Each structure stands twice: as C-alpha cells, then as structure tokens.
Amino acid sequence: RAAEKQAALEASLNAEKITLDATKKAGESESETGAAGTGETQKDGQA
C-alpha cells in the first residue's frame, strides 16, 4: 500500500509541476507578444 501511495504521490508531484510550468510559460508568451495586462501576467506567472 505504501508503494502504491508513493507511486501515485510521485506522479502527482511531477504532474502538478508540469502544470505550473505550462501556466507560467503561457503568461510569459503573452508578455512577449504584447498582450493586454502584460506586466501583471508576467508577475503572476513568476509568483
């Protein structure tokens, strides 16, 4: 049970990190293309 829980936890940790990266990169992309709210979006992405 501990092994199963650990495997699920590890997958969850990595999946969550990828999601954060994707959100951050999307914010940076908007910043580079001059989208509305540029400064705020980039700051939120970094935070």
All heavy atoms as atom14 arrays in JSON, in Angstrom:
{
  "sequence": "RAAEKQAALEASLNAEKITLDATKKAGESESETGAAGTGETQKDGQA",
  "atom14_mask": [
    [1, 1, 1, 1, 1, 1, 1, 1, 1, 1, 1, 0, 0, 0],
    [1, 1, 1, 1, 1, 0, 0, 0, 0, 0, 0, 0, 0, 0],
    [1, 1, 1, 1, 1, 0, 0, 0, 0, 0, 0, 0, 0, 0],
    [1, 1, 1, 1, 1, 1, 1, 1, 1, 0, 0, 0, 0, 0],
    [1, 1, 1, 1, 1, 1, 1, 1, 1, 0, 0, 0, 0, 0],
    [1, 1, 1, 1, 1, 1, 1, 1, 1, 0, 0, 0, 0, 0],
    [1, 1, 1, 1, 1, 0, 0, 0, 0, 0, 0, 0, 0, 0],
    [1, 1, 1, 1, 1, 0, 0, 0, 0, 0, 0, 0, 0, 0],
    [1, 1, 1, 1, 1, 1, 1, 1, 0, 0, 0, 0, 0, 0],
    [1, 1, 1, 1, 1, 1, 1, 1, 1, 0, 0, 0, 0, 0],
    [1, 1, 1, 1, 1, 0, 0, 0, 0, 0, 0, 0, 0, 0],
    [1, 1, 1, 1, 1, 1, 0, 0, 0, 0, 0, 0, 0, 0],
    [1, 1, 1, 1, 1, 1, 1, 1, 0, 0, 0, 0, 0, 0],
    [1, 1, 1, 1, 1, 1, 1, 1, 0, 0, 0, 0, 0, 0],
    [1, 1, 1, 1, 1, 0, 0, 0, 0, 0, 0, 0, 0, 0],
    [1, 1, 1, 1, 1, 1, 1, 1, 1, 0, 0, 0, 0, 0],
    [1, 1, 1, 1, 1, 1, 1, 1, 1, 0, 0, 0, 0, 0],
    [1, 1, 1, 1, 1, 1, 1, 1, 0, 0, 0, 0, 0, 0],
    [1, 1, 1, 1, 1, 1, 1, 0, 0, 0, 0, 0, 0, 0],
    [1, 1, 1, 1, 1, 1, 1, 1, 0, 0, 0, 0, 0, 0],
    [1, 1, 1, 1, 1, 1, 1, 1, 0, 0, 0, 0, 0, 0],
    [1, 1, 1, 1, 1, 0, 0, 0, 0, 0, 0, 0, 0, 0],
    [1, 1, 1, 1, 1, 1, 1, 0, 0, 0, 0, 0, 0, 0],
    [1, 1, 1, 1, 1, 1, 1, 1, 1, 0, 0, 0, 0, 0],
    [1, 1, 1, 1, 1, 1, 1, 1, 1, 0, 0, 0, 0, 0],
    [1, 1, 1, 1, 1, 0, 0, 0, 0, 0, 0, 0, 0, 0],
    [1, 1, 1, 1, 0, 0, 0, 0, 0, 0, 0, 0, 0, 0],
    [1, 1, 1, 1, 1, 1, 1, 1, 1, 0, 0, 0, 0, 0],
    [1, 1, 1, 1, 1, 1, 0, 0, 0, 0, 0, 0, 0, 0],
    [1, 1, 1, 1, 1, 1, 1, 1, 1, 0, 0, 0, 0, 0],
    [1, 1, 1, 1, 1, 1, 0, 0, 0, 0, 0, 0, 0, 0],
    [1, 1, 1, 1, 1, 1, 1, 1, 1, 0, 0, 0, 0, 0],
    [1, 1, 1, 1, 1, 1, 1, 0, 0, 0, 0, 0, 0, 0],
    [1, 1, 1, 1, 0, 0, 0, 0, 0, 0, 0, 0, 0, 0],
    [1, 1, 1, 1, 1, 0, 0, 0, 0, 0, 0, 0, 0, 0],
    [1, 1, 1, 1, 1, 0, 0, 0, 0, 0, 0, 0, 0, 0],
    [1, 1, 1, 1, 0, 0, 0, 0, 0, 0, 0, 0, 0, 0],
    [1, 1, 1, 1, 1, 1, 1, 0, 0, 0, 0, 0, 0, 0],
    [1, 1, 1, 1, 0, 0, 0, 0, 0, 0, 0, 0, 0, 0],
    [1, 1, 1, 1, 1, 1, 1, 1, 1, 0, 0, 0, 0, 0],
    [1, 1, 1, 1, 1, 1, 1, 0, 0, 0, 0, 0, 0, 0],
    [1, 1, 1, 1, 1, 1, 1, 1, 1, 0, 0, 0, 0, 0],
    [1, 1, 1, 1, 1, 1, 1, 1, 1, 0, 0, 0, 0, 0],
    [1, 1, 1, 1, 1, 1, 1, 1, 0, 0, 0, 0, 0, 0],
    [1, 1, 1, 1, 0, 0, 0, 0, 0, 0, 0, 0, 0, 0],
    [1, 1, 1, 1, 1, 1, 1, 1, 1, 0, 0, 0, 0, 0],
    [1, 1, 1, 1, 1, 0, 0, 0, 0, 0, 0, 0, 0, 0]
  ],
  "atom14_positions": [
    [[0.83, -1.21, 0.0], [0.0, 0.0, 0.0], [0.86, 1.25, 0.0], [0.55, 2.23, -0.68], [-0.92, 0.0, 1.22], [-2.03, -1.04, 1.15], [-2.87, -1.03, 2.42], [-3.87, -2.08, 2.41], [-4.66, -2.37, 3.43], [-4.54, -1.68, 4.56], [-5.55, -3.35, 3.34], [0.0, 0.0, 0.0], [0.0, 0.0, 0.0], [0.0, 0.0, 0.0]],
    [[1.95, 1.21, 0.77], [2.85, 2.36, 0.81], [3.48, 2.6, -0.55], [3.63, 3.75, -0.99], [3.93, 2.13, 1.87], [0.0, 0.0, 0.0], [0.0, 0.0, 0.0], [0.0, 0.0, 0.0], [0.0, 0.0, 0.0], [0.0, 0.0, 0.0], [0.0, 0.0, 0.0], [0.0, 0.0, 0.0], [0.0, 0.0, 0.0], [0.0, 0.0, 0.0]],
    [[3.84, 1.51, -1.25], [4.43, 1.64, -2.58], [3.43, 2.24, -3.57], [3.78, 3.09, -4.39], [4.92, 0.27, -3.07], [0.0, 0.0, 0.0], [0.0, 0.0, 0.0], [0.0, 0.0, 0.0], [0.0, 0.0, 0.0], [0.0, 0.0, 0.0], [0.0, 0.0, 0.0], [0.0, 0.0, 0.0], [0.0, 0.0, 0.0], [0.0, 0.0, 0.0]],
    [[2.18, 1.79, -3.5], [1.15, 2.32, -4.39], [0.9, 3.8, -4.11], [0.79, 4.61, -5.04], [-0.15, 1.53, -4.21], [-0.08, 0.09, -4.69], [-1.34, -0.69, -4.37], [-2.28, -0.06, -3.82], [-1.39, -1.9, -4.65], [0.0, 0.0, 0.0], [0.0, 0.0, 0.0], [0.0, 0.0, 0.0], [0.0, 0.0, 0.0], [0.0, 0.0, 0.0]],
    [[0.85, 4.13, -2.83], [0.64, 5.52, -2.46], [1.8, 6.39, -2.91], [1.61, 7.5, -3.4], [0.45, 5.61, -0.95], [0.17, 7.02, -0.45], [-0.03, 7.02, 1.05], [-0.3, 8.43, 1.58], [-0.49, 8.44, 3.06], [0.0, 0.0, 0.0], [0.0, 0.0, 0.0], [0.0, 0.0, 0.0], [0.0, 0.0, 0.0], [0.0, 0.0, 0.0]],
    [[3.01, 5.85, -2.77], [4.19, 6.59, -3.17], [4.22, 6.83, -4.67], [4.54, 7.93, -5.13], [5.45, 5.85, -2.74], [6.76, 6.51, -3.16], [6.89, 7.91, -2.6], [6.33, 8.19, -1.53], [7.59, 8.77, -3.29], [0.0, 0.0, 0.0], [0.0, 0.0, 0.0], [0.0, 0.0, 0.0], [0.0, 0.0, 0.0], [0.0, 0.0, 0.0]],
    [[3.87, 5.81, -5.45], [3.86, 5.95, -6.91], [2.84, 7.0, -7.33], [3.11, 7.84, -8.2], [3.55, 4.6, -7.56], [0.0, 0.0, 0.0], [0.0, 0.0, 0.0], [0.0, 0.0, 0.0], [0.0, 0.0, 0.0], [0.0, 0.0, 0.0], [0.0, 0.0, 0.0], [0.0, 0.0, 0.0], [0.0, 0.0, 0.0], [0.0, 0.0, 0.0]],
    [[1.67, 6.97, -6.7], [0.63, 7.95, -7.03], [1.07, 9.35, -6.64], [0.84, 10.32, -7.36], [-0.67, 7.58, -6.34], [0.0, 0.0, 0.0], [0.0, 0.0, 0.0], [0.0, 0.0, 0.0], [0.0, 0.0, 0.0], [0.0, 0.0, 0.0], [0.0, 0.0, 0.0], [0.0, 0.0, 0.0], [0.0, 0.0, 0.0], [0.0, 0.0, 0.0]],
    [[1.72, 9.45, -5.46], [2.18, 10.75, -5.0], [3.25, 11.32, -5.92], [3.22, 12.49, -6.29], [2.73, 10.62, -3.57], [3.39, 11.87, -2.99], [2.4, 13.03, -2.93], [3.95, 11.57, -1.6], [0.0, 0.0, 0.0], [0.0, 0.0, 0.0], [0.0, 0.0, 0.0], [0.0, 0.0, 0.0], [0.0, 0.0, 0.0], [0.0, 0.0, 0.0]],
    [[4.2, 10.48, -6.31], [5.28, 10.94, -7.18], [4.73, 11.41, -8.52], [5.14, 12.45, -9.05], [6.28, 9.8, -7.38], [7.57, 10.24, -8.06], [8.64, 9.16, -8.0], [8.68, 8.41, -7.0], [9.42, 9.05, -8.96], [0.0, 0.0, 0.0], [0.0, 0.0, 0.0], [0.0, 0.0, 0.0], [0.0, 0.0, 0.0], [0.0, 0.0, 0.0]],
    [[3.77, 10.65, -9.07], [3.16, 11.05, -10.33], [2.41, 12.38, -10.16], [2.46, 13.25, -11.03], [2.21, 9.97, -10.81], [0.0, 0.0, 0.0], [0.0, 0.0, 0.0], [0.0, 0.0, 0.0], [0.0, 0.0, 0.0], [0.0, 0.0, 0.0], [0.0, 0.0, 0.0], [0.0, 0.0, 0.0], [0.0, 0.0, 0.0], [0.0, 0.0, 0.0]],
    [[1.75, 12.54, -9.03], [1.0, 13.77, -8.77], [1.94, 14.96, -8.65], [1.66, 16.03, -9.18], [0.18, 13.61, -7.49], [-0.44, 14.82, -7.14], [0.0, 0.0, 0.0], [0.0, 0.0, 0.0], [0.0, 0.0, 0.0], [0.0, 0.0, 0.0], [0.0, 0.0, 0.0], [0.0, 0.0, 0.0], [0.0, 0.0, 0.0], [0.0, 0.0, 0.0]],
    [[3.05, 14.77, -7.96], [4.01, 15.85, -7.79], [4.54, 16.34, -9.12], [4.57, 17.53, -9.42], [5.17, 15.39, -6.91], [4.85, 15.14, -5.43], [6.06, 14.53, -4.73], [4.44, 16.43, -4.74], [0.0, 0.0, 0.0], [0.0, 0.0, 0.0], [0.0, 0.0, 0.0], [0.0, 0.0, 0.0], [0.0, 0.0, 0.0], [0.0, 0.0, 0.0]],
    [[4.95, 15.41, -9.97], [5.5, 15.79, -11.26], [4.44, 16.38, -12.18], [4.68, 17.33, -12.9], [6.16, 14.57, -11.92], [7.46, 14.18, -11.22], [8.14, 15.02, -10.66], [7.78, 12.91, -11.24], [0.0, 0.0, 0.0], [0.0, 0.0, 0.0], [0.0, 0.0, 0.0], [0.0, 0.0, 0.0], [0.0, 0.0, 0.0], [0.0, 0.0, 0.0]],
    [[3.24, 15.81, -12.11], [2.16, 16.33, -12.95], [1.81, 17.76, -12.55], [1.61, 18.64, -13.38], [0.93, 15.44, -12.84], [0.0, 0.0, 0.0], [0.0, 0.0, 0.0], [0.0, 0.0, 0.0], [0.0, 0.0, 0.0], [0.0, 0.0, 0.0], [0.0, 0.0, 0.0], [0.0, 0.0, 0.0], [0.0, 0.0, 0.0], [0.0, 0.0, 0.0]],
    [[1.79, 18.02, -11.25], [1.47, 19.36, -10.76], [2.53, 20.36, -11.18], [2.25, 21.49, -11.55], [1.34, 19.33, -9.24], [0.77, 20.58, -8.63], [-0.72, 20.7, -8.86], [-1.34, 19.68, -9.19], [-1.24, 21.82, -8.75], [0.0, 0.0, 0.0], [0.0, 0.0, 0.0], [0.0, 0.0, 0.0], [0.0, 0.0, 0.0], [0.0, 0.0, 0.0]],
    [[3.78, 19.93, -11.14], [4.87, 20.83, -11.52], [4.78, 21.18, -12.99], [4.96, 22.35, -13.38], [6.21, 20.15, -11.23], [7.42, 20.98, -11.65], [7.48, 22.29, -10.91], [8.67, 23.12, -11.35], [8.67, 24.44, -10.74], [0.0, 0.0, 0.0], [0.0, 0.0, 0.0], [0.0, 0.0, 0.0], [0.0, 0.0, 0.0], [0.0, 0.0, 0.0]],
    [[4.48, 20.21, -13.84], [4.35, 20.48, -15.28], [3.22, 21.48, -15.51], [3.34, 22.38, -16.33], [4.07, 19.15, -16.03], [5.33, 18.27, -15.99], [3.68, 19.43, -17.49], [5.12, 16.88, -16.53], [0.0, 0.0, 0.0], [0.0, 0.0, 0.0], [0.0, 0.0, 0.0], [0.0, 0.0, 0.0], [0.0, 0.0, 0.0], [0.0, 0.0, 0.0]],
    [[2.13, 21.33, -14.78], [1.01, 22.26, -14.92], [1.43, 23.69, -14.57], [1.1, 24.63, -15.26], [-0.16, 21.84, -14.0], [-0.57, 20.52, -14.36], [-1.33, 22.78, -14.13], [0.0, 0.0, 0.0], [0.0, 0.0, 0.0], [0.0, 0.0, 0.0], [0.0, 0.0, 0.0], [0.0, 0.0, 0.0], [0.0, 0.0, 0.0], [0.0, 0.0, 0.0]],
    [[2.21, 23.82, -13.5], [2.68, 25.15, -13.12], [3.59, 25.73, -14.19], [3.51, 26.9, -14.52], [3.42, 25.07, -11.79], [2.55, 24.86, -10.54], [3.41, 24.63, -9.33], [1.63, 26.05, -10.32], [0.0, 0.0, 0.0], [0.0, 0.0, 0.0], [0.0, 0.0, 0.0], [0.0, 0.0, 0.0], [0.0, 0.0, 0.0], [0.0, 0.0, 0.0]],
    [[4.46, 24.9, -14.76], [5.36, 25.36, -15.82], [4.57, 25.84, -17.02], [4.86, 26.88, -17.62], [6.31, 24.23, -16.25], [7.37, 23.98, -15.2], [7.56, 24.86, -14.34], [7.99, 22.9, -15.22], [0.0, 0.0, 0.0], [0.0, 0.0, 0.0], [0.0, 0.0, 0.0], [0.0, 0.0, 0.0], [0.0, 0.0, 0.0], [0.0, 0.0, 0.0]],
    [[3.53, 25.06, -17.39], [2.74, 25.41, -18.56], [2.03, 26.74, -18.33], [1.96, 27.59, -19.21], [1.72, 24.31, -18.86], [0.0, 0.0, 0.0], [0.0, 0.0, 0.0], [0.0, 0.0, 0.0], [0.0, 0.0, 0.0], [0.0, 0.0, 0.0], [0.0, 0.0, 0.0], [0.0, 0.0, 0.0], [0.0, 0.0, 0.0], [0.0, 0.0, 0.0]],
    [[1.49, 26.94, -17.13], [0.82, 28.2, -16.82], [1.78, 29.36, -16.88], [1.49, 30.42, -17.42], [0.2, 28.12, -15.41], [-0.7, 27.01, -15.36], [-0.54, 29.4, -15.07], [0.0, 0.0, 0.0], [0.0, 0.0, 0.0], [0.0, 0.0, 0.0], [0.0, 0.0, 0.0], [0.0, 0.0, 0.0], [0.0, 0.0, 0.0], [0.0, 0.0, 0.0]],
    [[2.98, 29.13, -16.35], [3.97, 30.19, -16.33], [4.41, 30.57, -17.73], [4.51, 31.75, -18.09], [5.17, 29.73, -15.5], [6.31, 30.73, -15.46], [7.44, 30.16, -14.63], [8.62, 31.1, -14.66], [9.75, 30.56, -13.91], [0.0, 0.0, 0.0], [0.0, 0.0, 0.0], [0.0, 0.0, 0.0], [0.0, 0.0, 0.0], [0.0, 0.0, 0.0]],
    [[4.66, 29.56, -18.57], [5.13, 29.82, -19.93], [4.06, 30.54, -20.74], [4.36, 31.39, -21.58], [5.54, 28.52, -20.59], [6.83, 27.94, -19.99], [7.16, 26.59, -20.6], [8.43, 26.02, -19.97], [8.75, 24.67, -20.49], [0.0, 0.0, 0.0], [0.0, 0.0, 0.0], [0.0, 0.0, 0.0], [0.0, 0.0, 0.0], [0.0, 0.0, 0.0]],
    [[2.78, 30.19, -20.45], [1.7, 30.86, -21.16], [1.7, 32.34, -20.82], [1.51, 33.2, -21.67], [0.36, 30.22, -20.8], [0.0, 0.0, 0.0], [0.0, 0.0, 0.0], [0.0, 0.0, 0.0], [0.0, 0.0, 0.0], [0.0, 0.0, 0.0], [0.0, 0.0, 0.0], [0.0, 0.0, 0.0], [0.0, 0.0, 0.0], [0.0, 0.0, 0.0]],
    [[1.94, 32.66, -19.55], [2.0, 34.06, -19.12], [3.15, 34.8, -19.77], [3.01, 35.93, -20.21], [0.0, 0.0, 0.0], [0.0, 0.0, 0.0], [0.0, 0.0, 0.0], [0.0, 0.0, 0.0], [0.0, 0.0, 0.0], [0.0, 0.0, 0.0], [0.0, 0.0, 0.0], [0.0, 0.0, 0.0], [0.0, 0.0, 0.0], [0.0, 0.0, 0.0]],
    [[4.3, 34.11, -19.88], [5.47, 34.73, -20.5], [5.23, 34.96, -21.98], [5.65, 35.96, -22.56], [6.69, 33.85, -20.28], [7.14, 33.82, -18.82], [8.24, 32.8, -18.6], [8.47, 32.01, -19.52], [8.84, 32.82, -17.51], [0.0, 0.0, 0.0], [0.0, 0.0, 0.0], [0.0, 0.0, 0.0], [0.0, 0.0, 0.0], [0.0, 0.0, 0.0]],
    [[4.51, 34.04, -22.62], [4.24, 34.17, -24.05], [3.38, 35.4, -24.32], [3.61, 36.15, -25.26], [3.53, 32.9, -24.56], [3.18, 33.05, -25.92], [0.0, 0.0, 0.0], [0.0, 0.0, 0.0], [0.0, 0.0, 0.0], [0.0, 0.0, 0.0], [0.0, 0.0, 0.0], [0.0, 0.0, 0.0], [0.0, 0.0, 0.0], [0.0, 0.0, 0.0]],
    [[2.36, 35.6, -23.46], [1.51, 36.77, -23.61], [2.32, 38.06, -23.43], [2.11, 39.05, -24.11], [0.37, 36.73, -22.6], [-0.67, 35.66, -22.89], [-1.82, 35.7, -21.9], [-1.89, 36.67, -21.14], [-2.64, 34.76, -21.91], [0.0, 0.0, 0.0], [0.0, 0.0, 0.0], [0.0, 0.0, 0.0], [0.0, 0.0, 0.0], [0.0, 0.0, 0.0]],
    [[3.27, 38.0, -22.48], [4.1, 39.18, -22.22], [4.92, 39.54, -23.45], [5.04, 40.7, -23.82], [5.0, 38.91, -21.02], [5.9, 39.97, -20.84], [0.0, 0.0, 0.0], [0.0, 0.0, 0.0], [0.0, 0.0, 0.0], [0.0, 0.0, 0.0], [0.0, 0.0, 0.0], [0.0, 0.0, 0.0], [0.0, 0.0, 0.0], [0.0, 0.0, 0.0]],
    [[5.49, 38.51, -24.11], [6.37, 38.76, -25.24], [5.61, 39.27, -26.45], [6.14, 40.01, -27.27], [7.12, 37.47, -25.59], [8.12, 37.07, -24.51], [8.67, 35.67, -24.73], [8.24, 35.03, -25.71], [9.51, 35.23, -23.94], [0.0, 0.0, 0.0], [0.0, 0.0, 0.0], [0.0, 0.0, 0.0], [0.0, 0.0, 0.0], [0.0, 0.0, 0.0]],
    [[4.35, 38.87, -26.59], [3.57, 39.29, -27.76], [2.81, 40.57, -27.51], [2.07, 41.04, -28.37], [2.56, 38.18, -28.14], [1.75, 37.89, -26.99], [3.29, 36.93, -28.58], [0.0, 0.0, 0.0], [0.0, 0.0, 0.0], [0.0, 0.0, 0.0], [0.0, 0.0, 0.0], [0.0, 0.0, 0.0], [0.0, 0.0, 0.0], [0.0, 0.0, 0.0]],
    [[3.0, 41.18, -26.3], [2.37, 42.46, -26.03], [0.91, 42.37, -25.71], [0.16, 43.3, -26.0], [0.0, 0.0, 0.0], [0.0, 0.0, 0.0], [0.0, 0.0, 0.0], [0.0, 0.0, 0.0], [0.0, 0.0, 0.0], [0.0, 0.0, 0.0], [0.0, 0.0, 0.0], [0.0, 0.0, 0.0], [0.0, 0.0, 0.0], [0.0, 0.0, 0.0]],
    [[0.46, 41.24, -25.16], [-0.95, 41.07, -24.84], [-1.34, 42.02, -23.72], [-0.51, 42.53, -22.98], [-1.23, 39.63, -24.4], [0.0, 0.0, 0.0], [0.0, 0.0, 0.0], [0.0, 0.0, 0.0], [0.0, 0.0, 0.0], [0.0, 0.0, 0.0], [0.0, 0.0, 0.0], [0.0, 0.0, 0.0], [0.0, 0.0, 0.0], [0.0, 0.0, 0.0]],
    [[-2.64, 42.27, -23.59], [-3.13, 43.16, -22.53], [-2.77, 42.6, -21.17], [-2.81, 41.4, -20.96], [-4.66, 43.32, -22.65], [0.0, 0.0, 0.0], [0.0, 0.0, 0.0], [0.0, 0.0, 0.0], [0.0, 0.0, 0.0], [0.0, 0.0, 0.0], [0.0, 0.0, 0.0], [0.0, 0.0, 0.0], [0.0, 0.0, 0.0], [0.0, 0.0, 0.0]],
    [[-2.47, 43.51, -20.22], [-2.11, 43.08, -18.86], [-0.75, 42.45, -18.81], [-0.51, 41.56, -18.02], [0.0, 0.0, 0.0], [0.0, 0.0, 0.0], [0.0, 0.0, 0.0], [0.0, 0.0, 0.0], [0.0, 0.0, 0.0], [0.0, 0.0, 0.0], [0.0, 0.0, 0.0], [0.0, 0.0, 0.0], [0.0, 0.0, 0.0], [0.0, 0.0, 0.0]],
    [[0.19, 42.89, -19.67], [1.49, 42.26, -19.78], [2.21, 42.16, -18.45], [2.58, 41.06, -18.02], [2.38, 43.06, -20.77], [1.75, 43.07, -22.03], [3.74, 42.4, -20.89], [0.0, 0.0, 0.0], [0.0, 0.0, 0.0], [0.0, 0.0, 0.0], [0.0, 0.0, 0.0], [0.0, 0.0, 0.0], [0.0, 0.0, 0.0], [0.0, 0.0, 0.0]],
    [[2.43, 43.3, -17.79], [3.22, 43.29, -16.56], [2.6, 42.43, -15.49], [3.28, 41.66, -14.82], [0.0, 0.0, 0.0], [0.0, 0.0, 0.0], [0.0, 0.0, 0.0], [0.0, 0.0, 0.0], [0.0, 0.0, 0.0], [0.0, 0.0, 0.0], [0.0, 0.0, 0.0], [0.0, 0.0, 0.0], [0.0, 0.0, 0.0], [0.0, 0.0, 0.0]],
    [[1.27, 42.52, -15.32], [0.6, 41.77, -14.26], [0.69, 40.28, -14.52], [0.94, 39.49, -13.61], [-0.85, 42.21, -14.17], [-1.62, 41.5, -13.08], [-3.05, 41.99, -13.01], [-3.38, 42.94, -13.75], [-3.83, 41.43, -12.23], [0.0, 0.0, 0.0], [0.0, 0.0, 0.0], [0.0, 0.0, 0.0], [0.0, 0.0, 0.0], [0.0, 0.0, 0.0]],
    [[0.49, 39.87, -15.78], [0.52, 38.44, -16.1], [1.89, 37.86, -15.84], [2.03, 36.78, -15.27], [0.14, 38.23, -17.59], [-1.15, 38.8, -17.81], [0.12, 36.75, -17.92], [0.0, 0.0, 0.0], [0.0, 0.0, 0.0], [0.0, 0.0, 0.0], [0.0, 0.0, 0.0], [0.0, 0.0, 0.0], [0.0, 0.0, 0.0], [0.0, 0.0, 0.0]],
    [[2.94, 38.55, -16.21], [4.28, 38.02, -16.02], [4.6, 37.91, -14.53], [5.16, 36.9, -14.1], [5.3, 38.94, -16.72], [6.73, 38.39, -16.65], [7.69, 39.23, -17.44], [7.38, 40.33, -17.83], [8.86, 38.71, -17.68], [0.0, 0.0, 0.0], [0.0, 0.0, 0.0], [0.0, 0.0, 0.0], [0.0, 0.0, 0.0], [0.0, 0.0, 0.0]],
    [[4.19, 38.9, -13.79], [4.46, 38.85, -12.36], [3.74, 37.69, -11.71], [4.29, 36.96, -10.89], [4.03, 40.17, -11.71], [4.27, 40.21, -10.2], [3.86, 41.53, -9.63], [4.1, 41.55, -8.13], [3.68, 42.83, -7.53], [0.0, 0.0, 0.0], [0.0, 0.0, 0.0], [0.0, 0.0, 0.0], [0.0, 0.0, 0.0], [0.0, 0.0, 0.0]],
    [[2.47, 37.49, -12.09], [1.71, 36.38, -11.52], [2.34, 35.06, -11.9], [2.41, 34.14, -11.1], [0.26, 36.4, -12.01], [-0.51, 37.55, -11.38], [-0.01, 38.1, -10.4], [-1.6, 37.88, -11.9], [0.0, 0.0, 0.0], [0.0, 0.0, 0.0], [0.0, 0.0, 0.0], [0.0, 0.0, 0.0], [0.0, 0.0, 0.0], [0.0, 0.0, 0.0]],
    [[2.82, 34.95, -13.13], [3.45, 33.71, -13.55], [4.68, 33.4, -12.72], [4.89, 32.27, -12.29], [0.0, 0.0, 0.0], [0.0, 0.0, 0.0], [0.0, 0.0, 0.0], [0.0, 0.0, 0.0], [0.0, 0.0, 0.0], [0.0, 0.0, 0.0], [0.0, 0.0, 0.0], [0.0, 0.0, 0.0], [0.0, 0.0, 0.0], [0.0, 0.0, 0.0]],
    [[5.5, 34.39, -12.43], [6.69, 34.17, -11.63], [6.33, 33.82, -10.2], [6.93, 32.96, -9.6], [7.56, 35.43, -11.67], [8.19, 35.69, -13.04], [8.94, 37.01, -13.06], [8.79, 37.83, -12.18], [9.75, 37.19, -14.09], [0.0, 0.0, 0.0], [0.0, 0.0, 0.0], [0.0, 0.0, 0.0], [0.0, 0.0, 0.0], [0.0, 0.0, 0.0]],
    [[5.33, 34.48, -9.66], [4.94, 34.2, -8.27], [4.44, 32.78, -8.13], [4.73, 32.1, -7.17], [3.85, 35.19, -7.82], [0.0, 0.0, 0.0], [0.0, 0.0, 0.0], [0.0, 0.0, 0.0], [0.0, 0.0, 0.0], [0.0, 0.0, 0.0], [0.0, 0.0, 0.0], [0.0, 0.0, 0.0], [0.0, 0.0, 0.0], [0.0, 0.0, 0.0]]
  ]
}
